[in-house]
Protein backbone atom coordinates (compact mmCIF):
# COMPACT_ATOMS: atom_id res chain seq x y z
CA UNK A 1 178.38 115.08 -27.24
CA UNK A 2 176.64 114.25 -23.92
CA UNK A 3 173.68 112.14 -23.80
CA UNK A 4 170.64 113.22 -21.62
CA UNK A 5 170.64 109.51 -19.77
CA UNK A 6 174.30 109.96 -18.29
CA UNK A 7 173.97 113.74 -17.06
CA UNK A 8 170.80 113.55 -14.78
CA UNK A 9 170.67 115.72 -11.76
CA UNK A 10 170.36 114.92 -8.28
CA UNK A 11 166.71 114.62 -6.92
CA UNK A 12 165.27 116.44 -4.11
CA UNK A 13 165.52 113.13 -2.03
CA UNK A 14 168.66 111.93 -3.43
CA UNK A 15 169.97 115.52 -1.87
CA UNK A 16 168.34 114.93 1.40
CA UNK A 17 169.21 111.08 2.06
CA UNK A 18 173.13 111.99 0.99
CA UNK A 19 173.30 115.53 3.23
CA UNK A 20 171.18 112.93 6.25
CA UNK A 21 174.56 110.56 5.79
CA UNK A 22 176.75 113.04 5.78
CA UNK A 23 175.33 114.73 9.41
CA UNK A 24 175.18 110.79 10.61
CA UNK A 25 179.01 110.10 9.33
CA UNK A 26 179.98 113.60 10.97
CA UNK A 27 178.15 113.05 14.43
CA UNK A 28 179.40 109.39 14.47
CA UNK A 29 182.76 110.81 14.09
CA UNK A 30 182.24 113.02 16.79
CA UNK A 31 180.96 110.80 19.20
CA UNK A 32 183.88 107.65 18.40
CA UNK A 33 186.63 110.53 19.27
CA UNK A 34 184.57 111.70 22.20
CA UNK A 35 182.45 109.96 23.82
CA UNK A 36 183.51 106.65 23.66
CA UNK A 37 187.09 107.79 24.63
CA UNK A 38 185.48 110.13 28.11
CA UNK A 39 183.31 106.68 28.47
CA UNK A 40 186.94 104.69 28.42
CA UNK A 41 188.80 106.99 30.68
CA UNK A 42 185.67 106.67 33.10
CA UNK A 43 185.49 103.30 33.28
CA UNK A 44 189.29 103.33 34.27
CA UNK A 45 189.14 105.78 36.83
CA UNK A 46 185.87 104.33 38.33
CA UNK A 47 188.14 100.42 38.18
CA UNK A 48 191.11 101.56 39.35
CA UNK A 49 189.43 103.88 42.57
CA UNK A 50 187.55 100.23 43.28
CA UNK A 51 190.65 98.31 43.13
CA UNK A 52 192.53 101.19 45.41
CA UNK A 53 189.31 100.90 47.83
CA UNK A 54 189.64 97.28 47.80
CA UNK A 55 192.72 96.08 47.45
CA UNK A 56 194.43 98.20 50.27
CA UNK A 57 192.42 96.98 52.87
CA UNK A 58 192.97 93.48 51.74
CA UNK A 59 196.49 94.21 51.88
CA UNK A 60 196.52 95.55 55.49
CA UNK A 61 194.22 92.70 56.67
CA UNK A 62 196.59 89.95 54.47
CA UNK A 63 199.87 91.55 56.55
CA UNK A 64 198.22 90.92 59.91
CA UNK A 65 196.99 87.97 59.02
CA UNK A 66 201.08 87.10 58.09
CA UNK A 67 202.37 88.21 61.49
CA UNK A 68 199.64 86.93 63.44
CA UNK A 69 200.04 83.09 62.00
CA UNK A 70 204.01 83.55 62.38
CA UNK A 71 204.40 84.71 65.91
CA UNK A 72 201.83 81.92 66.94
CA UNK A 73 203.87 79.34 64.55
CA UNK A 74 207.22 80.83 66.20
CA UNK A 75 205.83 80.51 69.91
CA UNK A 76 205.00 76.74 69.72
CA UNK A 77 209.02 75.86 68.48
CA UNK A 78 210.82 74.99 71.46
CA UNK A 79 213.75 77.41 72.37
CA UNK A 80 212.67 79.94 70.02
CA UNK A 81 211.38 83.30 71.38
CA UNK A 82 207.88 83.94 71.62
CA UNK A 83 208.25 88.11 70.95
CA UNK A 84 206.45 89.55 67.81
CA UNK A 85 209.75 91.23 66.51
CA UNK A 86 210.86 88.52 64.61
CA UNK A 87 207.54 87.87 62.82
CA UNK A 88 207.09 91.34 62.00
CA UNK A 89 210.34 91.19 60.56
CA UNK A 90 210.25 87.98 58.39
CA UNK A 91 206.70 89.87 57.04
CA UNK A 92 208.95 93.23 56.83
CA UNK A 93 211.37 91.45 54.67
CA UNK A 94 208.81 89.19 52.32
CA UNK A 95 206.96 92.70 51.42
CA UNK A 96 210.53 94.47 50.89
CA UNK A 97 211.47 91.40 48.15
CA UNK A 98 208.32 91.68 46.64
CA UNK A 99 208.92 95.36 46.07
CA UNK A 100 212.35 94.91 44.68
CA UNK A 101 211.42 92.14 42.16
CA UNK A 102 208.35 94.61 40.65
CA UNK A 103 210.80 97.73 41.20
CA UNK A 104 212.76 95.91 38.48
CA UNK A 105 210.00 94.72 36.59
CA UNK A 106 208.88 98.42 35.53
CA UNK A 107 208.96 100.22 32.47
CA UNK A 108 212.47 101.97 32.13
CA UNK A 109 211.65 105.85 31.50
CA UNK A 110 212.43 107.03 28.17
CA UNK A 111 215.01 109.94 27.98
CA UNK A 112 215.32 112.28 24.05
CA UNK A 113 218.85 111.59 23.55
CA UNK A 114 220.48 113.06 20.33
CA UNK A 115 223.20 111.83 18.71
């Protein structure tokens, strides 16, 4: 009924190869789940911290630059006030408008609504 050719037993070498392949598959899946995700999170933390460390001082220096340039410009206009409050007001208004624009573009929170 069954021929000897169709019912071959796996040899020791085939068993060793299949076991090694299985172990390699398991290790690769564990690595993909654990190590790759941790690497992605670590990169996000590092790049986020770098952006924060560079971005905040750059924003402060930009605000100082804008106030100084606007103050110098307004001081040279005949009849305009030479006080710095107007430059502060204009730059503050620009930042408030930029903040309102970004606030309007934020993603809405998802709420659980049951019908």
